[in-house]
Amino acid sequence: MRIFFFHRFSMRRIYSSEVLYVITMSENQLMIEQYRRIRRAQENEVEVEMPEYVLTVEGSGLTFQMMTKDEILLQGRLDCLRVSAYEERSGA
């Protein structure tokens, strides 16, 4: 499991060399591109299934500002991004 901590006023992009997806962080926004689905959404935690892993966003006041079939724009106080291995459920 990888855990990313970041300063609130930074901008970072996370790329995968095998699958085209991008995560862009700025002051109080997080843009997630090429996600599979949203597993769980609460005010303090959002769990997003990506092609190769599950991304958990922790913070407060998290709201969806925009959502299309390919992109999500989250806004709120971003405290932590947690990346964990993707486990497919058998029979799904």
Protein backbone atom coordinates (compact mmCIF):
# COMPACT_ATOMS: atom_id res chain seq x y z
CA MET A 1 0.00 0.00 0.00
CA ARG A 2 1.27 3.48 -0.87
CA ILE A 3 0.15 6.57 1.02
CA PHE A 4 0.58 10.06 -0.38
CA PHE A 5 0.68 13.05 1.93
CA PHE A 6 0.85 16.49 0.40
CA HIS A 7 0.84 20.14 1.33
CA ARG A 8 -2.48 21.87 0.78
CA PHE A 9 -1.04 24.42 -1.65
CA SER A 10 0.78 22.05 -3.99
CA MET A 11 -0.08 20.70 -7.40
CA ARG A 12 0.96 17.22 -8.40
CA ARG A 13 0.12 14.85 -11.21
CA ILE A 14 0.25 11.08 -10.92
CA TYR A 15 0.64 9.13 -14.16
CA SER A 16 0.68 5.45 -15.01
CA SER A 17 2.96 4.27 -17.79
CA GLU A 18 0.68 1.39 -18.76
CA VAL A 19 -2.79 2.91 -18.46
CA LEU A 20 -3.70 6.47 -19.38
CA TYR A 21 -5.07 8.18 -16.30
CA VAL A 22 -4.15 11.35 -14.48
CA ILE A 23 -4.80 12.66 -10.98
CA THR A 24 -4.29 16.40 -10.53
CA MET A 25 -4.24 17.99 -7.07
CA SER A 26 -4.35 21.67 -6.28
CA GLU A 27 -5.20 23.79 -3.25
CA ASN A 28 -8.60 22.30 -2.41
CA GLN A 29 -9.49 20.34 -5.54
CA LEU A 30 -8.73 16.90 -6.91
CA MET A 31 -9.34 15.98 -10.55
CA ILE A 32 -9.43 12.24 -11.25
CA GLU A 33 -9.46 11.09 -14.87
CA GLN A 34 -10.22 7.65 -16.31
CA TYR A 35 -11.77 6.13 -13.20
CA ARG A 36 -13.82 2.92 -13.27
CA ARG A 37 -16.40 3.65 -10.59
CA ILE A 38 -17.04 5.30 -7.26
CA ARG A 39 -17.10 2.66 -4.54
CA ARG A 40 -18.10 4.88 -1.62
CA ALA A 41 -18.73 8.60 -1.12
CA GLN A 42 -18.99 10.33 2.24
CA GLU A 43 -18.25 13.88 3.38
CA ASN A 44 -14.90 12.82 4.87
CA GLU A 45 -13.89 9.92 2.58
CA VAL A 46 -14.32 9.02 -1.08
CA GLU A 47 -13.19 5.69 -2.50
CA VAL A 48 -12.62 5.53 -6.28
CA GLU A 49 -11.82 2.41 -8.27
CA MET A 50 -9.10 3.06 -10.84
CA PRO A 51 -7.89 0.66 -13.58
CA GLU A 52 -5.00 -0.68 -11.46
CA TYR A 53 -5.77 0.32 -7.86
CA VAL A 54 -8.27 1.83 -5.46
CA LEU A 55 -7.79 5.50 -4.55
CA THR A 56 -9.11 6.63 -1.17
CA VAL A 57 -9.39 10.37 -0.61
CA GLU A 58 -9.57 11.50 3.01
CA GLY A 59 -10.47 15.02 4.08
CA SER A 60 -13.47 17.07 5.16
CA GLY A 61 -16.30 18.75 3.32
CA LEU A 62 -15.63 16.62 0.22
CA THR A 63 -18.16 17.34 -2.51
CA PHE A 64 -18.44 16.40 -6.17
CA GLN A 65 -18.19 19.60 -8.19
CA MET A 66 -18.29 17.81 -11.54
CA MET A 67 -18.66 14.23 -12.66
CA THR A 68 -18.70 12.70 -16.14
CA LYS A 69 -18.18 9.11 -17.23
CA ASP A 70 -14.42 9.82 -17.45
CA GLU A 71 -13.67 12.55 -14.88
CA ILE A 72 -14.42 13.51 -11.29
CA LEU A 73 -13.71 16.89 -9.71
CA LEU A 74 -13.72 16.73 -5.90
CA GLN A 75 -13.57 19.84 -3.74
CA GLY A 76 -12.96 20.20 -0.01
CA ARG A 77 -10.10 19.96 2.44
CA LEU A 78 -7.78 17.20 1.16
CA ASP A 79 -5.81 15.52 3.94
CA CYS A 80 -4.58 12.22 2.50
CA LEU A 81 -4.65 10.08 -0.64
CA ARG A 82 -4.29 6.36 -0.05
CA VAL A 83 -3.54 3.89 -2.85
CA SER A 84 -4.28 0.22 -2.31
CA ALA A 85 -4.24 -2.87 -4.50
CA TYR A 86 -7.28 -3.49 -6.65
CA GLU A 87 -9.04 -6.71 -5.79
CA GLU A 88 -11.64 -7.95 -8.22
CA ARG A 89 -14.53 -9.77 -6.64
CA SER A 90 -15.00 -13.28 -7.96
CA GLY A 91 -18.13 -13.71 -10.00
CA ALA A 92 -18.36 -10.01 -10.83
